[in-house]
Protein backbone atom coordinates (compact mmCIF):
# COMPACT_ATOMS: atom_id res chain seq x y z
CA MET A 1 103.06 106.84 95.48
CA GLU A 2 100.28 109.32 96.12
CA THR A 3 100.74 111.82 98.95
CA ILE A 4 98.59 114.28 100.85
CA VAL A 5 99.41 117.11 103.23
CA PHE A 6 97.74 116.79 106.62
CA THR A 7 97.53 119.68 109.10
CA PHE A 8 97.42 118.69 112.75
CA GLU A 9 94.78 120.83 114.48
CA GLU A 10 96.58 120.86 117.83
CA THR A 11 99.88 122.22 116.50
CA GLY A 12 99.05 123.63 113.08
CA GLU A 13 101.96 121.56 111.73
CA ASP A 14 101.74 120.41 108.10
CA VAL A 15 102.98 116.87 107.48
CA GLU A 16 103.21 115.09 104.14
CA PHE A 17 101.75 111.59 104.24
CA ALA A 18 102.26 108.75 101.77
CA ILE A 19 99.08 106.82 101.05
CA LEU A 20 99.71 103.08 101.40
CA SER A 21 96.15 101.95 100.77
CA SER A 22 92.58 103.17 100.53
CA LEU A 23 89.29 101.48 101.31
CA GLU A 24 85.58 102.08 100.89
CA TYR A 25 83.95 100.65 104.02
CA ASP A 26 80.48 101.19 105.45
CA GLU A 27 79.87 103.98 102.90
CA GLU A 28 82.97 105.90 104.03
CA THR A 29 86.42 106.34 102.49
CA TYR A 30 89.50 105.55 104.57
CA LEU A 31 93.22 105.88 103.92
CA LEU A 32 96.14 104.05 105.48
CA ALA A 33 98.95 106.58 105.59
CA VAL A 34 102.45 107.05 107.01
CA GLU A 35 104.56 110.15 107.24
CA LYS A 36 106.53 110.33 104.01
CA GLU A 37 109.75 110.75 105.99
CA GLU A 38 109.18 107.34 107.63
CA LEU A 39 108.86 105.34 104.40
CA GLU A 40 112.48 104.21 104.49
CA LEU A 41 112.46 103.34 108.20
CA ASP A 42 112.13 99.80 109.53
CA ASP A 43 109.60 100.95 112.14
CA MET A 44 106.74 103.08 110.76
CA THR A 45 103.67 104.43 112.51
CA ALA A 46 100.53 104.28 110.41
CA TYR A 47 97.44 106.44 110.65
CA VAL A 48 93.95 105.64 109.50
CA LEU A 49 92.39 108.74 108.00
CA LYS A 50 88.71 109.18 107.22
CA ALA A 51 87.56 111.36 104.34
CA ILE A 52 85.06 114.05 105.27
CA SER A 53 83.33 115.86 102.40
CA LEU A 54 82.88 119.57 102.95
CA ASP A 55 80.79 120.58 99.97
CA GLY A 56 80.78 117.64 97.60
CA GLU A 57 84.10 118.64 96.01
CA ASP A 58 86.57 119.48 98.76
CA VAL A 59 87.64 116.70 101.11
CA ILE A 60 89.44 116.88 104.42
CA TYR A 61 90.76 113.95 106.43
CA GLU A 62 90.57 113.28 110.12
CA ILE A 63 92.50 110.72 112.11
CA VAL A 64 90.25 107.87 113.23
CA ASP A 65 90.67 107.32 116.97
CA ASP A 66 87.37 105.69 117.93
CA ASP A 67 88.25 102.01 118.57
CA ASP A 68 84.84 100.78 117.39
CA GLU A 69 85.51 102.35 114.00
CA LEU A 70 89.30 101.94 113.94
CA LEU A 71 89.61 98.21 114.59
CA PRO A 72 87.57 96.82 111.70
CA VAL A 73 88.82 99.42 109.24
CA SER A 74 92.49 99.00 110.19
CA GLU A 75 92.23 95.21 109.85
CA LYS A 76 90.86 95.53 106.32
CA LEU A 77 93.47 98.13 105.35
CA MET A 78 96.31 96.04 106.79
CA ASP A 79 95.12 93.04 104.76
CA LEU A 80 95.69 95.13 101.64
CA VAL A 81 99.34 95.84 102.57
CA GLU A 82 100.42 92.55 104.14
CA ASP A 83 104.05 92.94 103.08
CA ILE A 84 104.61 96.09 105.19
CA ASP A 85 105.26 95.92 108.95
CA ILE A 86 103.43 98.84 110.56
CA ASP A 87 102.69 99.75 114.18
CA MET A 88 99.17 101.06 114.63
C-alpha cells in the first residue's frame, strides 16, 4: 500500500498516511488516507487530502475541510472502498 508523510501545520508533527484510494474529480486530485498506525484498528478516522501543485513537479496535500467540497468527494472516494468501515 502506498504511503505519504503529511506534516500538520499547527503542530509541525509528521504523520505517515496509508493511501486507501485516489480520485480525479472536478479537475483536482484527491486522496482518501488514514494514519498508517490505524490500519489494523476496527475504528479508523479517514482524511480527504487534496493535491496542490507547487511548480508542476512537487505536490503538497491539504486536508479538505470545506463541506461543499468534502461531501461529494468523500462520497465518491468511499464508494471505491466499500469494504472498509471508516469514520469521516
